[in-house]
PDB file of N, CA and C in Angstrom:
ATOM      1  N   MET A   1    -213.772  34.025  86.135  1.00  0.00           N
ATOM      2  CA  MET A   1    -212.641  34.283  85.267  1.00  0.00           C
ATOM      3  C   MET A   1    -211.846  32.997  85.003  1.00  0.00           C
ATOM      4  N   ALA A   2    -211.611  32.222  86.066  1.00  0.00           N
ATOM      5  CA  ALA A   2    -210.858  30.979  85.898  1.00  0.00           C
ATOM      6  C   ALA A   2    -211.619  29.996  85.020  1.00  0.00           C
ATOM      7  N   ILE A   3    -212.935  29.954  85.161  1.00  0.00           N
ATOM      8  CA  ILE A   3    -213.742  29.049  84.343  1.00  0.00           C
ATOM      9  C   ILE A   3    -213.644  29.447  82.881  1.00  0.00           C
ATOM     10  N   TRP A   4    -213.698  30.738  82.597  1.00  0.00           N
ATOM     11  CA  TRP A   4    -213.595  31.206  81.217  1.00  0.00           C
ATOM     12  C   TRP A   4    -212.247  30.812  80.620  1.00  0.00           C
ATOM     13  N   ARG A   5    -211.174  30.982  81.396  1.00  0.00           N
ATOM     14  CA  ARG A   5    -209.844  30.613  80.887  1.00  0.00           C
ATOM     15  C   ARG A   5    -209.754  29.121  80.615  1.00  0.00           C
ATOM     16  N   ARG A   6    -210.326  28.321  81.529  1.00  0.00           N
ATOM     17  CA  ARG A   6    -210.296  26.877  81.328  1.00  0.00           C
ATOM     18  C   ARG A   6    -211.060  26.510  80.070  1.00  0.00           C
ATOM     19  N   GLN A   7    -212.231  27.128  79.875  1.00  0.00           N
ATOM     20  CA  GLN A   7    -213.028  26.854  78.676  1.00  0.00           C
ATOM     21  C   GLN A   7    -212.272  27.296  77.428  1.00  0.00           C
ATOM     22  N   GLN A   8    -211.640  28.459  77.512  1.00  0.00           N
ATOM     23  CA  GLN A   8    -210.868  28.963  76.376  1.00  0.00           C
ATOM     24  C   GLN A   8    -209.729  28.001  76.049  1.00  0.00           C
ATOM     25  N   LYS A   9    -209.076  27.464  77.083  1.00  0.00           N
ATOM     26  CA  LYS A   9    -207.979  26.542  76.866  1.00  0.00           C
ATOM     27  C   LYS A   9    -208.486  25.253  76.223  1.00  0.00           C
ATOM     28  N   LYS A  10    -209.645  24.734  76.705  1.00  0.00           N
ATOM     29  CA  LYS A  10    -210.211  23.535  76.109  1.00  0.00           C
ATOM     30  C   LYS A  10    -210.547  23.771  74.647  1.00  0.00           C
ATOM     31  N   GLU A  11    -211.114  24.949  74.347  1.00  0.00           N
ATOM     32  CA  GLU A  11    -211.449  25.244  72.957  1.00  0.00           C
ATOM     33  C   GLU A  11    -210.189  25.311  72.108  1.00  0.00           C
ATOM     34  N   SER A  12    -209.111  25.877  72.646  1.00  0.00           N
ATOM     35  CA  SER A  12    -207.881  25.968  71.862  1.00  0.00           C
ATOM     36  C   SER A  12    -207.290  24.575  71.651  1.00  0.00           C
ATOM     37  N   LEU A  13    -207.390  23.687  72.654  1.00  0.00           N
ATOM     38  CA  LEU A  13    -206.930  22.320  72.476  1.00  0.00           C
ATOM     39  C   LEU A  13    -207.756  21.627  71.396  1.00  0.00           C
ATOM     40  N   TYR A  14    -209.061  21.863  71.407  1.00  0.00           N
ATOM     41  CA  TYR A  14    -209.945  21.271  70.405  1.00  0.00           C
ATOM     42  C   TYR A  14    -209.557  21.761  69.011  1.00  0.00           C
ATOM     43  N   HIS A  15    -209.368  23.061  68.865  1.00  0.00           N
ATOM     44  CA  HIS A  15    -209.026  23.604  67.553  1.00  0.00           C
ATOM     45  C   HIS A  15    -207.666  23.094  67.090  1.00  0.00           C
ATOM     46  N   ARG A  16    -206.741  22.930  68.020  1.00  0.00           N
ATOM     47  CA  ARG A  16    -205.431  22.423  67.652  1.00  0.00           C
ATOM     48  C   ARG A  16    -205.561  20.983  67.142  1.00  0.00           C
ATOM     49  N   ARG A  17    -206.426  20.182  67.795  1.00  0.00           N
ATOM     50  CA  ARG A  17    -206.643  18.811  67.350  1.00  0.00           C
ATOM     51  C   ARG A  17    -207.309  18.785  65.987  1.00  0.00           C
ATOM     52  N   VAL A  18    -208.297  19.631  65.786  1.00  0.00           N
ATOM     53  CA  VAL A  18    -209.008  19.644  64.510  1.00  0.00           C
ATOM     54  C   VAL A  18    -208.060  20.056  63.388  1.00  0.00           C
ATOM     55  N   MET A  19    -207.215  21.022  63.667  1.00  0.00           N
ATOM     56  CA  MET A  19    -206.310  21.520  62.644  1.00  0.00           C
ATOM     57  C   MET A  19    -205.232  20.497  62.291  1.00  0.00           C
ATOM     58  N   SER A  20    -204.886  19.613  63.223  1.00  0.00           N
ATOM     59  CA  SER A  20    -203.849  18.630  62.946  1.00  0.00           C
ATOM     60  C   SER A  20    -204.457  17.220  63.016  1.00  0.00           C
ATOM     61  N   LYS A  21    -205.011  16.784  61.910  1.00  0.00           N
ATOM     62  CA  LYS A  21    -205.604  15.447  61.837  1.00  0.00           C
ATOM     63  C   LYS A  21    -204.502  14.409  61.926  1.00  0.00           C
ATOM     64  N   ARG A  22    -204.810  13.325  62.603  1.00  0.00           N
ATOM     65  CA  ARG A  22    -203.864  12.227  62.729  1.00  0.00           C
ATOM     66  C   ARG A  22    -204.554  10.939  62.337  1.00  0.00           C
ATOM     67  N   SER A  23    -203.759   9.966  61.959  1.00  0.00           N
ATOM     68  CA  SER A  23    -204.280   8.649  61.618  1.00  0.00           C
ATOM     69  C   SER A  23    -203.850   7.662  62.693  1.00  0.00           C
ATOM     70  N   TYR A  24    -204.766   6.786  63.079  1.00  0.00           N
ATOM     71  CA  TYR A  24    -204.482   5.761  64.072  1.00  0.00           C
ATOM     72  C   TYR A  24    -204.836   4.399  63.486  1.00  0.00           C
ATOM     73  N   THR A  25    -203.983   3.435  63.722  1.00  0.00           N
ATOM     74  CA  THR A  25    -204.267   2.072  63.309  1.00  0.00           C
ATOM     75  C   THR A  25    -205.179   1.450  64.350  1.00  0.00           C
ATOM     76  N   VAL A  26    -206.262   0.826  63.886  1.00  0.00           N
ATOM     77  CA  VAL A  26    -207.188   0.150  64.792  1.00  0.00           C
ATOM     78  C   VAL A  26    -207.264  -1.322  64.409  1.00  0.00           C
ATOM     79  N   VAL A  27    -207.568  -2.146  65.398  1.00  0.00           N
ATOM     80  CA  VAL A  27    -207.707  -3.581  65.173  1.00  0.00           C
ATOM     81  C   VAL A  27    -209.183  -3.943  65.294  1.00  0.00           C
ATOM     82  N   LEU A  28    -209.752  -4.456  64.198  1.00  0.00           N
ATOM     83  CA  LEU A  28    -211.143  -4.928  64.202  1.00  0.00           C
ATOM     84  C   LEU A  28    -211.138  -6.423  64.507  1.00  0.00           C
ATOM     85  N   ASP A  29    -211.731  -6.792  65.614  1.00  0.00           N
ATOM     86  CA  ASP A  29    -211.790  -8.191  66.022  1.00  0.00           C
ATOM     87  C   ASP A  29    -213.241  -8.655  65.932  1.00  0.00           C
ATOM     88  N   PRO A  30    -213.572  -9.504  64.947  1.00  0.00           N
ATOM     89  CA  PRO A  30    -214.976  -9.951  64.807  1.00  0.00           C
ATOM     90  C   PRO A  30    -215.374 -10.853  65.968  1.00  0.00           C
ATOM     91  N   TRP A  31    -216.618 -10.714  66.388  1.00  0.00           N
ATOM     92  CA  TRP A  31    -217.151 -11.550  67.455  1.00  0.00           C
ATOM     93  C   TRP A  31    -217.374 -12.958  66.923  1.00  0.00           C
ATOM     94  N   PRO A  32    -217.187 -13.956  67.749  1.00  0.00           N
ATOM     95  CA  PRO A  32    -217.377 -15.353  67.298  1.00  0.00           C
ATOM     96  C   PRO A  32    -218.787 -15.615  66.753  1.00  0.00           C
ATOM     97  N   GLU A  33    -219.776 -14.925  67.308  1.00  0.00           N
ATOM     98  CA  GLU A  33    -221.150 -15.136  66.851  1.00  0.00           C
ATOM     99  C   GLU A  33    -221.403 -14.494  65.492  1.00  0.00           C
ATOM    100  N   GLY A  34    -220.484 -13.635  65.054  1.00  0.00           N
ATOM    101  CA  GLY A  34    -220.629 -12.975  63.764  1.00  0.00           C
ATOM    102  C   GLY A  34    -221.569 -11.788  63.766  1.00  0.00           C
ATOM    103  N   ASN A  35    -221.924 -11.268  64.937  1.00  0.00           N
ATOM    104  CA  ASN A  35    -222.882 -10.156  64.988  1.00  0.00           C
ATOM    105  C   ASN A  35    -222.278  -8.857  65.503  1.00  0.00           C
ATOM    106  N   GLY A  36    -220.966  -8.670  65.318  1.00  0.00           N
ATOM    107  CA  GLY A  36    -220.358  -7.416  65.740  1.00  0.00           C
ATOM    108  C   GLY A  36    -218.842  -7.474  65.765  1.00  0.00           C
ATOM    109  N   TYR A  37    -218.262  -6.341  66.146  1.00  0.00           N
ATOM    110  CA  TYR A  37    -216.810  -6.199  66.161  1.00  0.00           C
ATOM    111  C   TYR A  37    -216.379  -5.450  67.417  1.00  0.00           C
ATOM    112  N   THR A  38    -215.215  -5.831  67.922  1.00  0.00           N
ATOM    113  CA  THR A  38    -214.553  -5.065  68.970  1.00  0.00           C
ATOM    114  C   THR A  38    -213.371  -4.377  68.309  1.00  0.00           C
ATOM    115  N   ILE A  39    -213.177  -3.110  68.642  1.00  0.00           N
ATOM    116  CA  ILE A  39    -212.051  -2.360  68.086  1.00  0.00           C
ATOM    117  C   ILE A  39    -211.144  -1.930  69.224  1.00  0.00           C
ATOM    118  N   THR A  40    -209.843  -2.151  69.029  1.00  0.00           N
ATOM    119  CA  THR A  40    -208.837  -1.651  69.961  1.00  0.00           C
ATOM    120  C   THR A  40    -207.871  -0.752  69.188  1.00  0.00           C
ATOM    121  N   VAL A  41    -207.241   0.150  69.916  1.00  0.00           N
ATOM    122  CA  VAL A  41    -206.268   1.065  69.318  1.00  0.00           C
ATOM    123  C   VAL A  41    -204.926   0.775  69.991  1.00  0.00           C
ATOM    124  N   PRO A  42    -204.026   0.079  69.307  1.00  0.00           N
ATOM    125  CA  PRO A  42    -202.776  -0.354  69.933  1.00  0.00           C
ATOM    126  C   PRO A  42    -201.940   0.759  70.573  1.00  0.00           C
ATOM    127  N   VAL A  43    -201.912   1.943  69.981  1.00  0.00           N
ATOM    128  CA  VAL A  43    -201.077   3.018  70.538  1.00  0.00           C
ATOM    129  C   VAL A  43    -201.753   3.757  71.682  1.00  0.00           C
ATOM    130  N   LEU A  44    -203.026   3.447  71.949  1.00  0.00           N
ATOM    131  CA  LEU A  44    -203.757   4.069  73.051  1.00  0.00           C
ATOM    132  C   LEU A  44    -204.296   2.965  73.962  1.00  0.00           C
ATOM    133  N   PRO A  45    -203.465   2.429  74.843  1.00  0.00           N
ATOM    134  CA  PRO A  45    -203.916   1.346  75.718  1.00  0.00           C
ATOM    135  C   PRO A  45    -205.190   1.732  76.473  1.00  0.00           C
ATOM    136  N   GLY A  46    -206.149   0.834  76.470  1.00  0.00           N
ATOM    137  CA  GLY A  46    -207.416   1.091  77.150  1.00  0.00           C
ATOM    138  C   GLY A  46    -208.476   1.710  76.262  1.00  0.00           C
ATOM    139  N   CYS A  47    -208.120   2.079  75.044  1.00  0.00           N
ATOM    140  CA  CYS A  47    -209.087   2.663  74.116  1.00  0.00           C
ATOM    141  C   CYS A  47    -209.734   1.522  73.336  1.00  0.00           C
ATOM    142  N   VAL A  48    -210.957   1.183  73.742  1.00  0.00           N
ATOM    143  CA  VAL A  48    -211.679   0.046  73.172  1.00  0.00           C
ATOM    144  C   VAL A  48    -213.118   0.473  72.904  1.00  0.00           C
ATOM    145  N   THR A  49    -213.673  -0.014  71.813  1.00  0.00           N
ATOM    146  CA  THR A  49    -215.082   0.233  71.506  1.00  0.00           C
ATOM    147  C   THR A  49    -215.614  -0.952  70.719  1.00  0.00           C
ATOM    148  N   GLN A  50    -216.879  -0.893  70.357  1.00  0.00           N
ATOM    149  CA  GLN A  50    -217.484  -1.996  69.609  1.00  0.00           C
ATOM    150  C   GLN A  50    -218.638  -1.493  68.761  1.00  0.00           C
ATOM    151  N   GLY A  51    -219.066  -2.311  67.836  1.00  0.00           N
ATOM    152  CA  GLY A  51    -220.203  -1.976  66.994  1.00  0.00           C
ATOM    153  C   GLY A  51    -220.749  -3.220  66.328  1.00  0.00           C
ATOM    154  N   LYS A  52    -222.002  -3.142  65.870  1.00  0.00           N
ATOM    155  CA  LYS A  52    -222.651  -4.294  65.238  1.00  0.00           C
ATOM    156  C   LYS A  52    -222.161  -4.527  63.809  1.00  0.00           C
ATOM    157  N   THR A  53    -221.753  -3.431  63.138  1.00  0.00           N
ATOM    158  CA  THR A  53    -221.212  -3.538  61.779  1.00  0.00           C
ATOM    159  C   THR A  53    -219.824  -2.902  61.757  1.00  0.00           C
ATOM    160  N   LYS A  54    -219.072  -3.173  60.685  1.00  0.00           N
ATOM    161  CA  LYS A  54    -217.748  -2.549  60.562  1.00  0.00           C
ATOM    162  C   LYS A  54    -217.885  -1.028  60.555  1.00  0.00           C
ATOM    163  N   LYS A  55    -218.855  -0.540  59.788  1.00  0.00           N
ATOM    164  CA  LYS A  55    -219.051   0.903  59.684  1.00  0.00           C
ATOM    165  C   LYS A  55    -219.347   1.513  61.055  1.00  0.00           C
ATOM    166  N   GLU A  56    -220.282   0.907  61.783  1.00  0.00           N
ATOM    167  CA  GLU A  56    -220.635   1.427  63.104  1.00  0.00           C
ATOM    168  C   GLU A  56    -219.441   1.359  64.057  1.00  0.00           C
ATOM    169  N   ALA A  57    -218.703   0.258  64.021  1.00  0.00           N
ATOM    170  CA  ALA A  57    -217.547   0.111  64.902  1.00  0.00           C
ATOM    171  C   ALA A  57    -216.481   1.157  64.589  1.00  0.00           C
ATOM    172  N   LEU A  58    -216.243   1.413  63.312  1.00  0.00           N
ATOM    173  CA  LEU A  58    -215.231   2.412  62.931  1.00  0.00           C
ATOM    174  C   LEU A  58    -215.674   3.830  63.311  1.00  0.00           C
ATOM    175  N   GLU A  59    -216.964   4.119  63.154  1.00  0.00           N
ATOM    176  CA  GLU A  59    -217.473   5.431  63.564  1.00  0.00           C
ATOM    177  C   GLU A  59    -217.296   5.619  65.071  1.00  0.00           C
ATOM    178  N   ARG A  60    -217.587   4.567  65.809  1.00  0.00           N
ATOM    179  CA  ARG A  60    -217.420   4.639  67.261  1.00  0.00           C
ATOM    180  C   ARG A  60    -215.947   4.731  67.648  1.00  0.00           C
ATOM    181  N   ALA A  61    -215.073   4.139  66.839  1.00  0.00           N
ATOM    182  CA  ALA A  61    -213.635   4.205  67.115  1.00  0.00           C
ATOM    183  C   ALA A  61    -213.144   5.649  67.045  1.00  0.00           C
ATOM    184  N   VAL A  62    -213.638   6.399  66.085  1.00  0.00           N
ATOM    185  CA  VAL A  62    -213.248   7.805  65.960  1.00  0.00           C
ATOM    186  C   VAL A  62    -213.614   8.553  67.240  1.00  0.00           C
ATOM    187  N   GLU A  63    -214.839   8.359  67.718  1.00  0.00           N
ATOM    188  CA  GLU A  63    -215.280   9.027  68.941  1.00  0.00           C
ATOM    189  C   GLU A  63    -214.496   8.542  70.159  1.00  0.00           C
ATOM    190  N   ALA A  64    -214.217   7.237  70.217  1.00  0.00           N
ATOM    191  CA  ALA A  64    -213.459   6.689  71.346  1.00  0.00           C
ATOM    192  C   ALA A  64    -212.052   7.273  71.388  1.00  0.00           C
ATOM    193  N   ILE A  65    -211.430   7.404  70.228  1.00  0.00           N
ATOM    194  CA  ILE A  65    -210.075   7.974  70.164  1.00  0.00           C
ATOM    195  C   ILE A  65    -210.107   9.430  70.614  1.00  0.00           C
ATOM    196  N   ARG A  66    -211.077  10.196  70.134  1.00  0.00           N
ATOM    197  CA  ARG A  66    -211.194  11.604  70.549  1.00  0.00           C
ATOM    198  C   ARG A  66    -211.357  11.717  72.061  1.00  0.00           C
ATOM    199  N   CYS A  67    -212.245  10.912  72.627  1.00  0.00           N
ATOM    200  CA  CYS A  67    -212.482  10.965  74.075  1.00  0.00           C
ATOM    201  C   CYS A  67    -211.248  10.538  74.855  1.00  0.00           C
ATOM    202  N   HIS A  68    -210.574   9.519  74.369  1.00  0.00           N
ATOM    203  CA  HIS A  68    -209.381   9.023  75.047  1.00  0.00           C
ATOM    204  C   HIS A  68    -208.287  10.099  75.080  1.00  0.00           C
ATOM    205  N   ILE A  69    -208.072  10.733  73.939  1.00  0.00           N
ATOM    206  CA  ILE A  69    -207.047  11.779  73.858  1.00  0.00           C
ATOM    207  C   ILE A  69    -207.440  12.972  74.720  1.00  0.00           C
ATOM    208  N   GLU A  70    -208.707  13.340  74.709  1.00  0.00           N
ATOM    209  CA  GLU A  70    -209.174  14.444  75.548  1.00  0.00           C
ATOM    210  C   GLU A  70    -208.916  14.141  77.022  1.00  0.00           C
ATOM    211  N   GLY A  71    -209.181  12.907  77.431  1.00  0.00           N
ATOM    212  CA  GLY A  71    -208.919  12.505  78.810  1.00  0.00           C
ATOM    213  C   GLY A  71    -207.441  12.574  79.149  1.00  0.00           C
ATOM    214  N   LEU A  72    -206.598  12.142  78.215  1.00  0.00           N
ATOM    215  CA  LEU A  72    -205.155  12.228  78.442  1.00  0.00           C
ATOM    216  C   LEU A  72    -204.700  13.673  78.576  1.00  0.00           C
ATOM    217  N   GLU A  73    -205.263  14.564  77.754  1.00  0.00           N
ATOM    218  CA  GLU A  73    -204.904  15.985  77.830  1.00  0.00           C
ATOM    219  C   GLU A  73    -205.304  16.580  79.173  1.00  0.00           C
ATOM    220  N   GLU A  74    -206.487  16.198  79.691  1.00  0.00           N
ATOM    221  CA  GLU A  74    -206.932  16.719  80.979  1.00  0.00           C
ATOM    222  C   GLU A  74    -206.025  16.236  82.099  1.00  0.00           C
ATOM    223  N   VAL A  75    -205.611  14.967  82.048  1.00  0.00           N
ATOM    224  CA  VAL A  75    -204.704  14.433  83.064  1.00  0.00           C
ATOM    225  C   VAL A  75    -203.367  15.155  82.983  1.00  0.00           C
ATOM    226  N   LEU A  76    -202.864  15.340  81.779  1.00  0.00           N
ATOM    227  CA  LEU A  76    -201.587  16.030  81.604  1.00  0.00           C
ATOM    228  C   LEU A  76    -201.682  17.463  82.100  1.00  0.00           C
ATOM    229  N   GLU A  77    -202.787  18.135  81.796  1.00  0.00           N
ATOM    230  CA  GLU A  77    -202.983  19.511  82.244  1.00  0.00           C
ATOM    231  C   GLU A  77    -202.956  19.579  83.766  1.00  0.00           C
ATOM    232  N   GLU A  78    -203.574  18.621  84.437  1.00  0.00           N
ATOM    233  CA  GLU A  78    -203.580  18.592  85.900  1.00  0.00           C
ATOM    234  C   GLU A  78    -202.176  18.348  86.439  1.00  0.00           C
ATOM    235  N   GLN A  79    -201.403  17.508  85.778  1.00  0.00           N
ATOM    236  CA  GLN A  79    -200.069  17.166  86.261  1.00  0.00           C
ATOM    237  C   GLN A  79    -199.080  18.309  86.122  1.00  0.00           C
ATOM    238  N   ILE A  80    -199.242  19.145  85.108  1.00  0.00           N
ATOM    239  CA  ILE A  80    -198.263  20.205  84.887  1.00  0.00           C
ATOM    240  C   ILE A  80    -198.720  21.573  85.393  1.00  0.00           C
ATOM    241  N   ARG A  81    -199.894  21.618  85.987  1.00  0.00           N
ATOM    242  CA  ARG A  81    -200.402  22.887  86.498  1.00  0.00           C
ATOM    243  C   ARG A  81    -199.547  23.321  87.690  1.00  0.00           C
ATOM    244  N   PRO A  82    -199.006  24.515  87.641  1.00  0.00           N
ATOM    245  CA  PRO A  82    -198.209  24.986  88.785  1.00  0.00           C
ATOM    246  C   PRO A  82    -199.092  25.209  90.007  1.00  0.00           C
ATOM    247  N   THR A  83    -198.521  24.951  91.169  1.00  0.00           N
ATOM    248  CA  THR A  83    -199.221  25.147  92.419  1.00  0.00           C
ATOM    249  C   THR A  83    -198.572  26.315  93.133  1.00  0.00           C
ATOM    250  N   LEU A  84    -199.399  27.258  93.584  1.00  0.00           N
ATOM    251  CA  LEU A  84    -198.890  28.412  94.319  1.00  0.00           C
ATOM    252  C   LEU A  84    -199.046  28.186  95.799  1.00  0.00           C
ATOM    253  N   ALA A  85    -198.063  28.625  96.545  1.00  0.00           N
ATOM    254  CA  ALA A  85    -198.132  28.525  98.001  1.00  0.00           C
ATOM    255  C   ALA A  85    -197.463  29.743  98.603  1.00  0.00           C
ATOM    256  N   ILE A  86    -197.873  30.080  99.812  1.00  0.00           N
ATOM    257  CA  ILE A  86    -197.246  31.186 100.542  1.00  0.00           C
ATOM    258  C   ILE A  86    -196.368  30.592 101.616  1.00  0.00           C
ATOM    259  N   VAL A  87    -195.125  31.032 101.626  1.00  0.00           N
ATOM    260  CA  VAL A  87    -194.152  30.523 102.579  1.00  0.00           C
ATOM    261  C   VAL A  87    -193.637  31.684 103.407  1.00  0.00           C
ATOM    262  N   GLU A  88    -193.703  31.536 104.723  1.00  0.00           N
ATOM    263  CA  GLU A  88    -193.149  32.577 105.590  1.00  0.00           C
ATOM    264  C   GLU A  88    -191.722  32.231 105.936  1.00  0.00           C
ATOM    265  N   VAL A  89    -190.859  33.271 105.919  1.00  0.00           N
ATOM    266  CA  VAL A  89    -189.445  33.062 106.232  1.00  0.00           C
ATOM    267  C   VAL A  89    -189.063  33.927 107.414  1.00  0.00           C
TER     268      VAL A  89
END
């Protein structure tokens, strides 16, 4: 039962994200050798990806942003989850 609720909650988070598209500014940093790009997302520290072409790097940036946000949601969910305890008085 708990697994089903967790899955249901993840699906609702996914649908909420899909329903509310957001735009993120990314920084394309060309490699000195000229054979690829590194992409960083300034508003999401630690969200970094790369690709051989601009198109590939940008496609990977979309996936990196999704994964990064999903990870943040899981951490937040863990932090705000109430803990039950039995106390004898």
